[in-house]
Amino acid sequence: MIKFFSKDFDLPITAAGQTFKKTFELDKSVKVITHYTILSNREDLAYYRGSFRLDINKDEIAPDGYSAKKVMCWASVPADQRLRSIGRRETGNGLINFEFTDTNDGLTVFQPYTVSLSVEGEREE
């Protein structure tokens, strides 16, 4: 039986002007990823300073340098429109590679923050 799946993966951003990388492993029951978004405990910093790269099962979803502004949403966006659709991406090896780069924008002052990659899809029960 197919069930809904949702999971957030956290990546601490601890220094200005650096790239942080992490590989997350999905549970083997997760078969398809259909949507994703980026969240943060400091949305202003992630939005203005951030870019990222995202691969699911070695399939490039967002290339290096993809602006976080293109996928982040503010509270004024209806909840059912906050996730970016990526079709039906098979999870295969179950690995998600996520890289997030903090870049000085001249408008904000760096403070450590956390970005979360939020994914949704389907899992088998």
PDB file of N, CA and C in Angstrom:
ATOM      1  N   MET A   1       0.830  -1.175   0.000  1.00  0.00           N
ATOM      2  CA  MET A   1       0.000   0.000   0.000  1.00  0.00           C
ATOM      3  C   MET A   1       0.883   1.249   0.000  1.00  0.00           C
ATOM      4  N   ILE A   2       0.551   2.233  -0.802  1.00  0.00           N
ATOM      5  CA  ILE A   2       1.307   3.479  -0.909  1.00  0.00           C
ATOM      6  C   ILE A   2       0.795   4.483   0.134  1.00  0.00           C
ATOM      7  N   LYS A   3       1.736   5.095   0.839  1.00  0.00           N
ATOM      8  CA  LYS A   3       1.411   6.083   1.870  1.00  0.00           C
ATOM      9  C   LYS A   3       2.171   7.382   1.597  1.00  0.00           C
ATOM     10  N   PHE A   4       1.638   8.483   2.125  1.00  0.00           N
ATOM     11  CA  PHE A   4       2.281   9.784   2.040  1.00  0.00           C
ATOM     12  C   PHE A   4       3.541   9.807   2.893  1.00  0.00           C
ATOM     13  N   PHE A   5       4.576  10.516   2.438  1.00  0.00           N
ATOM     14  CA  PHE A   5       5.847  10.625   3.146  1.00  0.00           C
ATOM     15  C   PHE A   5       6.259  12.096   3.203  1.00  0.00           C
ATOM     16  N   SER A   6       6.749  12.538   4.348  1.00  0.00           N
ATOM     17  CA  SER A   6       7.272  13.894   4.506  1.00  0.00           C
ATOM     18  C   SER A   6       8.411  13.862   5.511  1.00  0.00           C
ATOM     19  N   LYS A   7       9.517  14.551   5.188  1.00  0.00           N
ATOM     20  CA  LYS A   7      10.672  14.542   6.093  1.00  0.00           C
ATOM     21  C   LYS A   7      11.469  15.825   5.904  1.00  0.00           C
ATOM     22  N   ASP A   8      11.978  16.355   7.007  1.00  0.00           N
ATOM     23  CA  ASP A   8      12.864  17.518   6.979  1.00  0.00           C
ATOM     24  C   ASP A   8      14.272  17.063   7.347  1.00  0.00           C
ATOM     25  N   PHE A   9      15.255  17.554   6.599  1.00  0.00           N
ATOM     26  CA  PHE A   9      16.661  17.256   6.852  1.00  0.00           C
ATOM     27  C   PHE A   9      17.375  18.571   7.158  1.00  0.00           C
ATOM     28  N   ASP A  10      18.033  18.666   8.303  1.00  0.00           N
ATOM     29  CA  ASP A  10      18.657  19.910   8.744  1.00  0.00           C
ATOM     30  C   ASP A  10      20.134  19.975   8.383  1.00  0.00           C
ATOM     31  N   LEU A  11      20.567  21.192   8.014  1.00  0.00           N
ATOM     32  CA  LEU A  11      21.962  21.452   7.698  1.00  0.00           C
ATOM     33  C   LEU A  11      22.376  22.751   8.390  1.00  0.00           C
ATOM     34  N   PRO A  12      23.218  22.686   9.427  1.00  0.00           N
ATOM     35  CA  PRO A  12      23.667  23.902  10.114  1.00  0.00           C
ATOM     36  C   PRO A  12      24.625  24.708   9.227  1.00  0.00           C
ATOM     37  N   ILE A  13      24.402  26.013   9.179  1.00  0.00           N
ATOM     38  CA  ILE A  13      25.281  26.934   8.457  1.00  0.00           C
ATOM     39  C   ILE A  13      26.014  27.712   9.550  1.00  0.00           C
ATOM     40  N   THR A  14      27.278  27.401   9.754  1.00  0.00           N
ATOM     41  CA  THR A  14      28.004  27.891  10.922  1.00  0.00           C
ATOM     42  C   THR A  14      29.047  28.964  10.637  1.00  0.00           C
ATOM     43  N   ALA A  15      29.303  29.256   9.353  1.00  0.00           N
ATOM     44  CA  ALA A  15      30.309  30.267   9.012  1.00  0.00           C
ATOM     45  C   ALA A  15      29.898  30.993   7.729  1.00  0.00           C
ATOM     46  N   ALA A  16      30.210  32.262   7.672  1.00  0.00           N
ATOM     47  CA  ALA A  16      29.871  33.077   6.508  1.00  0.00           C
ATOM     48  C   ALA A  16      30.733  32.708   5.312  1.00  0.00           C
ATOM     49  N   GLY A  17      30.132  32.792   4.124  1.00  0.00           N
ATOM     50  CA  GLY A  17      30.878  32.637   2.887  1.00  0.00           C
ATOM     51  C   GLY A  17      31.390  31.242   2.594  1.00  0.00           C
ATOM     52  N   GLN A  18      30.767  30.224   3.145  1.00  0.00           N
ATOM     53  CA  GLN A  18      31.226  28.862   2.919  1.00  0.00           C
ATOM     54  C   GLN A  18      30.101  27.981   2.397  1.00  0.00           C
ATOM     55  N   THR A  19      30.504  26.843   1.827  1.00  0.00           N
ATOM     56  CA  THR A  19      29.555  25.841   1.354  1.00  0.00           C
ATOM     57  C   THR A  19      29.524  24.691   2.351  1.00  0.00           C
ATOM     58  N   PHE A  20      28.322  24.261   2.691  1.00  0.00           N
ATOM     59  CA  PHE A  20      28.114  23.158   3.616  1.00  0.00           C
ATOM     60  C   PHE A  20      27.423  22.035   2.862  1.00  0.00           C
ATOM     61  N   LYS A  21      27.926  20.806   3.038  1.00  0.00           N
ATOM     62  CA  LYS A  21      27.416  19.659   2.284  1.00  0.00           C
ATOM     63  C   LYS A  21      27.010  18.556   3.245  1.00  0.00           C
ATOM     64  N   LYS A  22      25.937  17.867   2.868  1.00  0.00           N
ATOM     65  CA  LYS A  22      25.528  16.709   3.655  1.00  0.00           C
ATOM     66  C   LYS A  22      24.769  15.748   2.751  1.00  0.00           C
ATOM     67  N   THR A  23      24.971  14.463   2.992  1.00  0.00           N
ATOM     68  CA  THR A  23      24.227  13.422   2.294  1.00  0.00           C
ATOM     69  C   THR A  23      23.250  12.823   3.297  1.00  0.00           C
ATOM     70  N   PHE A  24      21.983  12.833   2.916  1.00  0.00           N
ATOM     71  CA  PHE A  24      20.932  12.281   3.763  1.00  0.00           C
ATOM     72  C   PHE A  24      20.471  10.957   3.164  1.00  0.00           C
ATOM     73  N   GLU A  25      20.173   9.993   4.025  1.00  0.00           N
ATOM     74  CA  GLU A  25      19.708   8.692   3.558  1.00  0.00           C
ATOM     75  C   GLU A  25      18.232   8.523   3.895  1.00  0.00           C
ATOM     76  N   LEU A  26      17.463   8.211   2.872  1.00  0.00           N
ATOM     77  CA  LEU A  26      16.030   7.976   3.052  1.00  0.00           C
ATOM     78  C   LEU A  26      15.792   6.565   3.567  1.00  0.00           C
ATOM     79  N   ASP A  27      14.703   6.396   4.278  1.00  0.00           N
ATOM     80  CA  ASP A  27      14.278   5.069   4.690  1.00  0.00           C
ATOM     81  C   ASP A  27      14.023   4.240   3.428  1.00  0.00           C
ATOM     82  N   LYS A  28      14.314   2.970   3.465  1.00  0.00           N
ATOM     83  CA  LYS A  28      14.157   2.106   2.288  1.00  0.00           C
ATOM     84  C   LYS A  28      12.714   1.991   1.813  1.00  0.00           C
ATOM     85  N   SER A  29      11.751   2.323   2.670  1.00  0.00           N
ATOM     86  CA  SER A  29      10.344   2.267   2.260  1.00  0.00           C
ATOM     87  C   SER A  29       9.949   3.434   1.364  1.00  0.00           C
ATOM     88  N   VAL A  30      10.762   4.505   1.325  1.00  0.00           N
ATOM     89  CA  VAL A  30      10.458   5.669   0.483  1.00  0.00           C
ATOM     90  C   VAL A  30      10.847   5.340  -0.951  1.00  0.00           C
ATOM     91  N   LYS A  31       9.891   5.434  -1.859  1.00  0.00           N
ATOM     92  CA  LYS A  31      10.114   5.049  -3.250  1.00  0.00           C
ATOM     93  C   LYS A  31      10.150   6.223  -4.219  1.00  0.00           C
ATOM     94  N   VAL A  32       9.421   7.312  -3.914  1.00  0.00           N
ATOM     95  CA  VAL A  32       9.295   8.433  -4.845  1.00  0.00           C
ATOM     96  C   VAL A  32       9.309   9.739  -4.055  1.00  0.00           C
ATOM     97  N   ILE A  33      10.052  10.734  -4.567  1.00  0.00           N
ATOM     98  CA  ILE A  33      10.001  12.100  -4.052  1.00  0.00           C
ATOM     99  C   ILE A  33       9.270  12.931  -5.103  1.00  0.00           C
ATOM    100  N   THR A  34       8.301  13.737  -4.665  1.00  0.00           N
ATOM    101  CA  THR A  34       7.499  14.528  -5.604  1.00  0.00           C
ATOM    102  C   THR A  34       7.627  16.037  -5.406  1.00  0.00           C
ATOM    103  N   HIS A  35       8.006  16.474  -4.209  1.00  0.00           N
ATOM    104  CA  HIS A  35       8.073  17.901  -3.902  1.00  0.00           C
ATOM    105  C   HIS A  35       9.205  18.184  -2.916  1.00  0.00           C
ATOM    106  N   TYR A  36       9.689  19.436  -2.950  1.00  0.00           N
ATOM    107  CA  TYR A  36      10.664  19.862  -1.953  1.00  0.00           C
ATOM    108  C   TYR A  36      10.560  21.372  -1.736  1.00  0.00           C
ATOM    109  N   THR A  37      11.124  21.823  -0.637  1.00  0.00           N
ATOM    110  CA  THR A  37      11.294  23.247  -0.371  1.00  0.00           C
ATOM    111  C   THR A  37      12.442  23.413   0.607  1.00  0.00           C
ATOM    112  N   ILE A  38      12.849  24.653   0.800  1.00  0.00           N
ATOM    113  CA  ILE A  38      13.884  24.967   1.776  1.00  0.00           C
ATOM    114  C   ILE A  38      13.259  25.846   2.855  1.00  0.00           C
ATOM    115  N   LEU A  39      13.504  25.466   4.106  1.00  0.00           N
ATOM    116  CA  LEU A  39      13.033  26.204   5.271  1.00  0.00           C
ATOM    117  C   LEU A  39      14.255  26.652   6.066  1.00  0.00           C
ATOM    118  N   SER A  40      14.074  27.573   6.989  1.00  0.00           N
ATOM    119  CA  SER A  40      15.191  27.996   7.828  1.00  0.00           C
ATOM    120  C   SER A  40      14.682  28.609   9.116  1.00  0.00           C
ATOM    121  N   ASN A  41      15.494  28.512  10.142  1.00  0.00           N
ATOM    122  CA  ASN A  41      15.171  29.200  11.394  1.00  0.00           C
ATOM    123  C   ASN A  41      15.485  30.696  11.273  1.00  0.00           C
ATOM    124  N   ARG A  42      16.239  31.085  10.252  1.00  0.00           N
ATOM    125  CA  ARG A  42      16.504  32.485   9.918  1.00  0.00           C
ATOM    126  C   ARG A  42      16.241  32.643   8.424  1.00  0.00           C
ATOM    127  N   GLU A  43      14.959  32.706   8.077  1.00  0.00           N
ATOM    128  CA  GLU A  43      14.577  32.758   6.670  1.00  0.00           C
ATOM    129  C   GLU A  43      15.193  33.950   5.942  1.00  0.00           C
ATOM    130  N   ASP A  44      15.372  35.075   6.629  1.00  0.00           N
ATOM    131  CA  ASP A  44      15.971  36.246   5.996  1.00  0.00           C
ATOM    132  C   ASP A  44      17.390  35.941   5.515  1.00  0.00           C
ATOM    133  N   LEU A  45      18.178  35.270   6.345  1.00  0.00           N
ATOM    134  CA  LEU A  45      19.562  34.954   5.961  1.00  0.00           C
ATOM    135  C   LEU A  45      19.603  33.919   4.847  1.00  0.00           C
ATOM    136  N   ALA A  46      18.822  32.865   4.965  1.00  0.00           N
ATOM    137  CA  ALA A  46      18.806  31.828   3.929  1.00  0.00           C
ATOM    138  C   ALA A  46      18.328  32.406   2.598  1.00  0.00           C
ATOM    139  N   TYR A  47      17.330  33.254   2.632  1.00  0.00           N
ATOM    140  CA  TYR A  47      16.737  33.829   1.422  1.00  0.00           C
ATOM    141  C   TYR A  47      17.713  34.770   0.714  1.00  0.00           C
ATOM    142  N   TYR A  48      18.309  35.698   1.453  1.00  0.00           N
ATOM    143  CA  TYR A  48      19.171  36.703   0.831  1.00  0.00           C
ATOM    144  C   TYR A  48      20.592  36.230   0.583  1.00  0.00           C
ATOM    145  N   ARG A  49      21.081  35.300   1.384  1.00  0.00           N
ATOM    146  CA  ARG A  49      22.482  34.894   1.291  1.00  0.00           C
ATOM    147  C   ARG A  49      22.687  33.529   0.641  1.00  0.00           C
ATOM    148  N   GLY A  50      21.600  32.770   0.435  1.00  0.00           N
ATOM    149  CA  GLY A  50      21.774  31.364   0.103  1.00  0.00           C
ATOM    150  C   GLY A  50      21.608  30.956  -1.341  1.00  0.00           C
ATOM    151  N   SER A  51      22.383  29.947  -1.719  1.00  0.00           N
ATOM    152  CA  SER A  51      22.200  29.206  -2.969  1.00  0.00           C
ATOM    153  C   SER A  51      22.481  27.745  -2.639  1.00  0.00           C
ATOM    154  N   PHE A  52      22.060  26.857  -3.525  1.00  0.00           N
ATOM    155  CA  PHE A  52      22.194  25.443  -3.184  1.00  0.00           C
ATOM    156  C   PHE A  52      22.327  24.561  -4.417  1.00  0.00           C
ATOM    157  N   ARG A  53      22.593  23.308  -4.150  1.00  0.00           N
ATOM    158  CA  ARG A  53      22.617  22.241  -5.146  1.00  0.00           C
ATOM    159  C   ARG A  53      21.883  21.065  -4.513  1.00  0.00           C
ATOM    160  N   LEU A  54      21.081  20.343  -5.314  1.00  0.00           N
ATOM    161  CA  LEU A  54      20.308  19.221  -4.802  1.00  0.00           C
ATOM    162  C   LEU A  54      20.306  18.083  -5.812  1.00  0.00           C
ATOM    163  N   ASP A  55      20.675  16.893  -5.348  1.00  0.00           N
ATOM    164  CA  ASP A  55      20.618  15.667  -6.146  1.00  0.00           C
ATOM    165  C   ASP A  55      19.825  14.625  -5.363  1.00  0.00           C
ATOM    166  N   ILE A  56      18.954  13.919  -6.057  1.00  0.00           N
ATOM    167  CA  ILE A  56      18.243  12.783  -5.472  1.00  0.00           C
ATOM    168  C   ILE A  56      18.565  11.574  -6.326  1.00  0.00           C
ATOM    169  N   ASN A  57      19.171  10.551  -5.713  1.00  0.00           N
ATOM    170  CA  ASN A  57      19.555   9.343  -6.442  1.00  0.00           C
ATOM    171  C   ASN A  57      20.434   9.690  -7.648  1.00  0.00           C
ATOM    172  N   LYS A  58      21.374  10.597  -7.453  1.00  0.00           N
ATOM    173  CA  LYS A  58      22.315  11.057  -8.485  1.00  0.00           C
ATOM    174  C   LYS A  58      21.627  11.795  -9.637  1.00  0.00           C
ATOM    175  N   ASP A  59      20.369  12.166  -9.460  1.00  0.00           N
ATOM    176  CA  ASP A  59      19.600  12.927 -10.456  1.00  0.00           C
ATOM    177  C   ASP A  59      19.595  14.391 -10.004  1.00  0.00           C
ATOM    178  N   GLU A  60      20.191  15.263 -10.810  1.00  0.00           N
ATOM    179  CA  GLU A  60      20.280  16.669 -10.436  1.00  0.00           C
ATOM    180  C   GLU A  60      18.906  17.333 -10.472  1.00  0.00           C
ATOM    181  N   ILE A  61      18.477  17.845  -9.328  1.00  0.00           N
ATOM    182  CA  ILE A  61      17.207  18.545  -9.192  1.00  0.00           C
ATOM    183  C   ILE A  61      17.431  20.041  -9.300  1.00  0.00           C
ATOM    184  N   ALA A  62      18.483  20.546  -8.658  1.00  0.00           N
ATOM    185  CA  ALA A  62      18.858  21.962  -8.718  1.00  0.00           C
ATOM    186  C   ALA A  62      20.369  22.022  -8.891  1.00  0.00           C
ATOM    187  N   PRO A  63      20.852  22.749  -9.914  1.00  0.00           N
ATOM    188  CA  PRO A  63      22.295  22.817 -10.163  1.00  0.00           C
ATOM    189  C   PRO A  63      23.012  23.676  -9.125  1.00  0.00           C
ATOM    190  N   ASP A  64      24.306  23.526  -9.056  1.00  0.00           N
ATOM    191  CA  ASP A  64      25.129  24.326  -8.153  1.00  0.00           C
ATOM    192  C   ASP A  64      24.852  25.810  -8.384  1.00  0.00           C
ATOM    193  N   GLY A  65      24.659  26.550  -7.302  1.00  0.00           N
ATOM    194  CA  GLY A  65      24.414  27.980  -7.402  1.00  0.00           C
ATOM    195  C   GLY A  65      22.955  28.368  -7.593  1.00  0.00           C
ATOM    196  N   TYR A  66      22.037  27.407  -7.491  1.00  0.00           N
ATOM    197  CA  TYR A  66      20.611  27.684  -7.666  1.00  0.00           C
ATOM    198  C   TYR A  66      20.142  28.543  -6.488  1.00  0.00           C
ATOM    199  N   SER A  67      19.551  29.672  -6.754  1.00  0.00           N
ATOM    200  CA  SER A  67      19.170  30.626  -5.719  1.00  0.00           C
ATOM    201  C   SER A  67      18.072  30.086  -4.803  1.00  0.00           C
ATOM    202  N   ALA A  68      18.301  30.203  -3.507  1.00  0.00           N
ATOM    203  CA  ALA A  68      17.289  29.795  -2.530  1.00  0.00           C
ATOM    204  C   ALA A  68      16.020  30.626  -2.699  1.00  0.00           C
ATOM    205  N   LYS A  69      16.136  31.835  -3.227  1.00  0.00           N
ATOM    206  CA  LYS A  69      14.975  32.705  -3.444  1.00  0.00           C
ATOM    207  C   LYS A  69      13.939  32.047  -4.355  1.00  0.00           C
ATOM    208  N   LYS A  70      14.387  31.173  -5.250  1.00  0.00           N
ATOM    209  CA  LYS A  70      13.479  30.541  -6.212  1.00  0.00           C
ATOM    210  C   LYS A  70      12.574  29.485  -5.581  1.00  0.00           C
ATOM    211  N   VAL A  71      12.919  28.997  -4.396  1.00  0.00           N
ATOM    212  CA  VAL A  71      12.112  27.932  -3.793  1.00  0.00           C
ATOM    213  C   VAL A  71      11.578  28.257  -2.405  1.00  0.00           C
ATOM    214  N   MET A  72      12.098  29.300  -1.778  1.00  0.00           N
ATOM    215  CA  MET A  72      11.617  29.650  -0.441  1.00  0.00           C
ATOM    216  C   MET A  72      10.329  30.461  -0.539  1.00  0.00           C
ATOM    217  N   CYS A  73       9.448  30.272   0.424  1.00  0.00           N
ATOM    218  CA  CYS A  73       8.164  30.979   0.462  1.00  0.00           C
ATOM    219  C   CYS A  73       7.984  31.655   1.811  1.00  0.00           C
ATOM    220  N   TRP A  74       7.279  32.756   1.794  1.00  0.00           N
ATOM    221  CA  TRP A  74       6.944  33.465   3.026  1.00  0.00           C
ATOM    222  C   TRP A  74       5.594  32.992   3.521  1.00  0.00           C
ATOM    223  N   ALA A  75       5.244  33.397   4.716  1.00  0.00           N
ATOM    224  CA  ALA A  75       3.992  32.976   5.346  1.00  0.00           C
ATOM    225  C   ALA A  75       2.757  33.405   4.555  1.00  0.00           C
ATOM    226  N   SER A  76       2.876  34.421   3.719  1.00  0.00           N
ATOM    227  CA  SER A  76       1.728  34.900   2.942  1.00  0.00           C
ATOM    228  C   SER A  76       1.339  33.945   1.809  1.00  0.00           C
ATOM    229  N   VAL A  77       2.209  32.985   1.482  1.00  0.00           N
ATOM    230  CA  VAL A  77       1.912  32.006   0.438  1.00  0.00           C
ATOM    231  C   VAL A  77       1.057  30.899   1.047  1.00  0.00           C
ATOM    232  N   PRO A  78      -0.060  30.554   0.407  1.00  0.00           N
ATOM    233  CA  PRO A  78      -0.904  29.481   0.957  1.00  0.00           C
ATOM    234  C   PRO A  78      -0.104  28.182   1.156  1.00  0.00           C
ATOM    235  N   ALA A  79      -0.401  27.481   2.233  1.00  0.00           N
ATOM    236  CA  ALA A  79       0.350  26.272   2.610  1.00  0.00           C
ATOM    237  C   ALA A  79       0.418  25.245   1.490  1.00  0.00           C
ATOM    238  N   ASP A  80      -0.642  25.088   0.708  1.00  0.00           N
ATOM    239  CA  ASP A  80      -0.645  24.083  -0.344  1.00  0.00           C
ATOM    240  C   ASP A  80       0.142  24.500  -1.588  1.00  0.00           C
ATOM    241  N   GLN A  81       0.754  25.691  -1.561  1.00  0.00           N
ATOM    242  CA  GLN A  81       1.551  26.170  -2.696  1.00  0.00           C
ATOM    243  C   GLN A  81       3.022  26.397  -2.331  1.00  0.00           C
ATOM    244  N   ARG A  82       3.433  25.947  -1.183  1.00  0.00           N
ATOM    245  CA  ARG A  82       4.791  26.237  -0.701  1.00  0.00           C
ATOM    246  C   ARG A  82       5.851  25.244  -1.162  1.00  0.00           C
ATOM    247  N   LEU A  83       5.454  24.118  -1.698  1.00  0.00           N
ATOM    248  CA  LEU A  83       6.425  23.112  -2.125  1.00  0.00           C
ATOM    249  C   LEU A  83       6.609  23.141  -3.627  1.00  0.00           C
ATOM    250  N   ARG A  84       7.842  22.919  -4.069  1.00  0.00           N
ATOM    251  CA  ARG A  84       8.162  22.907  -5.497  1.00  0.00           C
ATOM    252  C   ARG A  84       7.991  21.484  -6.032  1.00  0.00           C
ATOM    253  N   SER A  85       7.185  21.339  -7.079  1.00  0.00           N
ATOM    254  CA  SER A  85       6.954  20.028  -7.689  1.00  0.00           C
ATOM    255  C   SER A  85       8.140  19.642  -8.568  1.00  0.00           C
ATOM    256  N   ILE A  86       8.549  18.382  -8.466  1.00  0.00           N
ATOM    257  CA  ILE A  86       9.649  17.878  -9.300  1.00  0.00           C
ATOM    258  C   ILE A  86       9.231  16.619 -10.056  1.00  0.00           C
ATOM    259  N   GLY A  87       7.929  16.426 -10.205  1.00  0.00           N
ATOM    260  CA  GLY A  87       7.458  15.204 -10.857  1.00  0.00           C
ATOM    261  C   GLY A  87       7.610  14.027  -9.917  1.00  0.00           C
ATOM    262  N   ARG A  88       7.772  12.846 -10.477  1.00  0.00           N
ATOM    263  CA  ARG A  88       7.943  11.632  -9.672  1.00  0.00           C
ATOM    264  C   ARG A  88       9.387  11.164  -9.814  1.00  0.00           C
ATOM    265  N   ARG A  89      10.208  11.477  -8.833  1.00  0.00           N
ATOM    266  CA  ARG A  89      11.625  11.098  -8.861  1.00  0.00           C
ATOM    267  C   ARG A  89      11.833   9.851  -8.030  1.00  0.00           C
ATOM    268  N   GLU A  90      12.244   8.775  -8.692  1.00  0.00           N
ATOM    269  CA  GLU A  90      12.533   7.515  -8.002  1.00  0.00           C
ATOM    270  C   GLU A  90      13.701   7.735  -7.042  1.00  0.00           C
ATOM    271  N   THR A  91      13.620   7.147  -5.859  1.00  0.00           N
ATOM    272  CA  THR A  91      14.668   7.340  -4.862  1.00  0.00           C
ATOM    273  C   THR A  91      15.869   6.424  -5.079  1.00  0.00           C
ATOM    274  N   GLY A  92      15.702   5.329  -5.787  1.00  0.00           N
ATOM    275  CA  GLY A  92      16.826   4.445  -6.129  1.00  0.00           C
ATOM    276  C   GLY A  92      17.689   4.100  -4.939  1.00  0.00           C
ATOM    277  N   ASN A  93      18.909   4.669  -4.891  1.00  0.00           N
ATOM    278  CA  ASN A  93      19.849   4.359  -3.817  1.00  0.00           C
ATOM    279  C   ASN A  93      19.460   5.002  -2.485  1.00  0.00           C
ATOM    280  N   GLY A  94      18.433   5.849  -2.485  1.00  0.00           N
ATOM    281  CA  GLY A  94      17.938   6.451  -1.250  1.00  0.00           C
ATOM    282  C   GLY A  94      18.778   7.586  -0.713  1.00  0.00           C
ATOM    283  N   LEU A  95      19.679   8.122  -1.544  1.00  0.00           N
ATOM    284  CA  LEU A  95      20.564   9.188  -1.077  1.00  0.00           C
ATOM    285  C   LEU A  95      20.154  10.543  -1.641  1.00  0.00           C
ATOM    286  N   ILE A  96      20.156  11.539  -0.765  1.00  0.00           N
ATOM    287  CA  ILE A  96      19.908  12.927  -1.157  1.00  0.00           C
ATOM    288  C   ILE A  96      21.175  13.701  -0.827  1.00  0.00           C
ATOM    289  N   ASN A  97      21.783  14.305  -1.844  1.00  0.00           N
ATOM    290  CA  ASN A  97      22.960  15.144  -1.645  1.00  0.00           C
ATOM    291  C   ASN A  97      22.508  16.601  -1.687  1.00  0.00           C
ATOM    292  N   PHE A  98      22.813  17.322  -0.607  1.00  0.00           N
ATOM    293  CA  PHE A  98      22.376  18.705  -0.457  1.00  0.00           C
ATOM    294  C   PHE A  98      23.579  19.563  -0.108  1.00  0.00           C
ATOM    295  N   GLU A  99      23.793  20.622  -0.883  1.00  0.00           N
ATOM    296  CA  GLU A  99      24.865  21.580  -0.618  1.00  0.00           C
ATOM    297  C   GLU A  99      24.227  22.958  -0.519  1.00  0.00           C
ATOM    298  N   PHE A 100      24.595  23.718   0.485  1.00  0.00           N
ATOM    299  CA  PHE A 100      24.067  25.061   0.660  1.00  0.00           C
ATOM    300  C   PHE A 100      25.237  26.009   0.832  1.00  0.00           C
ATOM    301  N   THR A 101      25.248  27.093   0.053  1.00  0.00           N
ATOM    302  CA  THR A 101      26.323  28.067   0.092  1.00  0.00           C
ATOM    303  C   THR A 101      25.819  29.384   0.649  1.00  0.00           C
ATOM    304  N   ASP A 102      26.509  29.889   1.652  1.00  0.00           N
ATOM    305  CA  ASP A 102      26.223  31.204   2.214  1.00  0.00           C
ATOM    306  C   ASP A 102      27.153  32.207   1.526  1.00  0.00           C
ATOM    307  N   THR A 103      26.574  33.291   0.997  1.00  0.00           N
ATOM    308  CA  THR A 103      27.350  34.321   0.310  1.00  0.00           C
ATOM    309  C   THR A 103      26.988  35.680   0.885  1.00  0.00           C
ATOM    310  N   ASN A 104      27.998  36.483   1.210  1.00  0.00           N
ATOM    311  CA  ASN A 104      27.742  37.817   1.745  1.00  0.00           C
ATOM    312  C   ASN A 104      26.986  38.640   0.703  1.00  0.00           C
ATOM    313  N   ASP A 105      25.855  39.190   1.108  1.00  0.00           N
ATOM    314  CA  ASP A 105      25.038  39.980   0.179  1.00  0.00           C
ATOM    315  C   ASP A 105      25.150  41.481   0.418  1.00  0.00           C
ATOM    316  N   GLY A 106      25.871  41.905   1.455  1.00  0.00           N
ATOM    317  CA  GLY A 106      26.029  43.316   1.750  1.00  0.00           C
ATOM    318  C   GLY A 106      24.824  43.931   2.457  1.00  0.00           C
ATOM    319  N   LEU A 107      23.769  43.174   2.615  1.00  0.00           N
ATOM    320  CA  LEU A 107      22.553  43.685   3.258  1.00  0.00           C
ATOM    321  C   LEU A 107      22.329  43.093   4.637  1.00  0.00           C
ATOM    322  N   THR A 108      22.762  41.866   4.842  1.00  0.00           N
ATOM    323  CA  THR A 108      22.522  41.173   6.102  1.00  0.00           C
ATOM    324  C   THR A 108      23.841  40.893   6.818  1.00  0.00           C
ATOM    325  N   VAL A 109      23.766  40.735   8.108  1.00  0.00           N
ATOM    326  CA  VAL A 109      24.927  40.385   8.932  1.00  0.00           C
ATOM    327  C   VAL A 109      24.816  38.908   9.276  1.00  0.00           C
ATOM    328  N   PHE A 110      25.880  38.162   9.011  1.00  0.00           N
ATOM    329  CA  PHE A 110      25.852  36.725   9.256  1.00  0.00           C
ATOM    330  C   PHE A 110      25.687  36.406  10.732  1.00  0.00           C
ATOM    331  N   GLN A 111      24.848  35.423  10.996  1.00  0.00           N
ATOM    332  CA  GLN A 111      24.715  34.744  12.273  1.00  0.00           C
ATOM    333  C   GLN A 111      24.514  33.277  11.930  1.00  0.00           C
ATOM    334  N   PRO A 112      25.010  32.350  12.737  1.00  0.00           N
ATOM    335  CA  PRO A 112      24.764  30.941  12.434  1.00  0.00           C
ATOM    336  C   PRO A 112      23.263  30.670  12.310  1.00  0.00           C
ATOM    337  N   TYR A 113      22.919  29.859  11.328  1.00  0.00           N
ATOM    338  CA  TYR A 113      21.525  29.502  11.108  1.00  0.00           C
ATOM    339  C   TYR A 113      21.448  28.083  10.576  1.00  0.00           C
ATOM    340  N   THR A 114      20.250  27.564  10.508  1.00  0.00           N
ATOM    341  CA  THR A 114      20.029  26.210  10.005  1.00  0.00           C
ATOM    342  C   THR A 114      19.084  26.274   8.820  1.00  0.00           C
ATOM    343  N   VAL A 115      19.432  25.564   7.749  1.00  0.00           N
ATOM    344  CA  VAL A 115      18.500  25.394   6.640  1.00  0.00           C
ATOM    345  C   VAL A 115      17.991  23.957   6.698  1.00  0.00           C
ATOM    346  N   SER A 116      16.739  23.798   6.325  1.00  0.00           N
ATOM    347  CA  SER A 116      16.137  22.477   6.310  1.00  0.00           C
ATOM    348  C   SER A 116      15.624  22.190   4.908  1.00  0.00           C
ATOM    349  N   LEU A 117      16.014  21.053   4.379  1.00  0.00           N
ATOM    350  CA  LEU A 117      15.473  20.570   3.121  1.00  0.00           C
ATOM    351  C   LEU A 117      14.260  19.733   3.486  1.00  0.00           C
ATOM    352  N   SER A 118      13.107  20.159   3.028  1.00  0.00           N
ATOM    353  CA  SER A 118      11.854  19.453   3.298  1.00  0.00           C
ATOM    354  C   SER A 118      11.419  18.740   2.030  1.00  0.00           C
ATOM    355  N   VAL A 119      11.228  17.429   2.104  1.00  0.00           N
ATOM    356  CA  VAL A 119      10.814  16.647   0.941  1.00  0.00           C
ATOM    357  C   VAL A 119       9.520  15.897   1.239  1.00  0.00           C
ATOM    358  N   GLU A 120       8.741  15.693   0.178  1.00  0.00           N
ATOM    359  CA  GLU A 120       7.513  14.906   0.276  1.00  0.00           C
ATOM    360  C   GLU A 120       7.480  13.913  -0.862  1.00  0.00           C
ATOM    361  N   GLY A 121       6.768  12.824  -0.642  1.00  0.00           N
ATOM    362  CA  GLY A 121       6.649  11.811  -1.676  1.00  0.00           C
ATOM    363  C   GLY A 121       5.793  10.652  -1.217  1.00  0.00           C
ATOM    364  N   GLU A 122       6.189   9.458  -1.688  1.00  0.00           N
ATOM    365  CA  GLU A 122       5.420   8.256  -1.393  1.00  0.00           C
ATOM    366  C   GLU A 122       6.328   7.175  -0.819  1.00  0.00           C
ATOM    367  N   ARG A 123       5.752   6.402   0.092  1.00  0.00           N
ATOM    368  CA  ARG A 123       6.482   5.270   0.667  1.00  0.00           C
ATOM    369  C   ARG A 123       5.558   4.046   0.625  1.00  0.00           C
ATOM    370  N   GLU A 124       6.178   2.892   0.633  1.00  0.00           N
ATOM    371  CA  GLU A 124       5.405   1.653   0.693  1.00  0.00           C
ATOM    372  C   GLU A 124       5.276   1.239   2.148  1.00  0.00           C
ATOM    373  N   GLU A 125       4.113   0.733   2.483  1.00  0.00           N
ATOM    374  CA  GLU A 125       3.892   0.281   3.855  1.00  0.00           C
ATOM    375  C   GLU A 125       4.325  -1.149   4.017  1.00  0.00           C
TER     376      GLU A 125
END
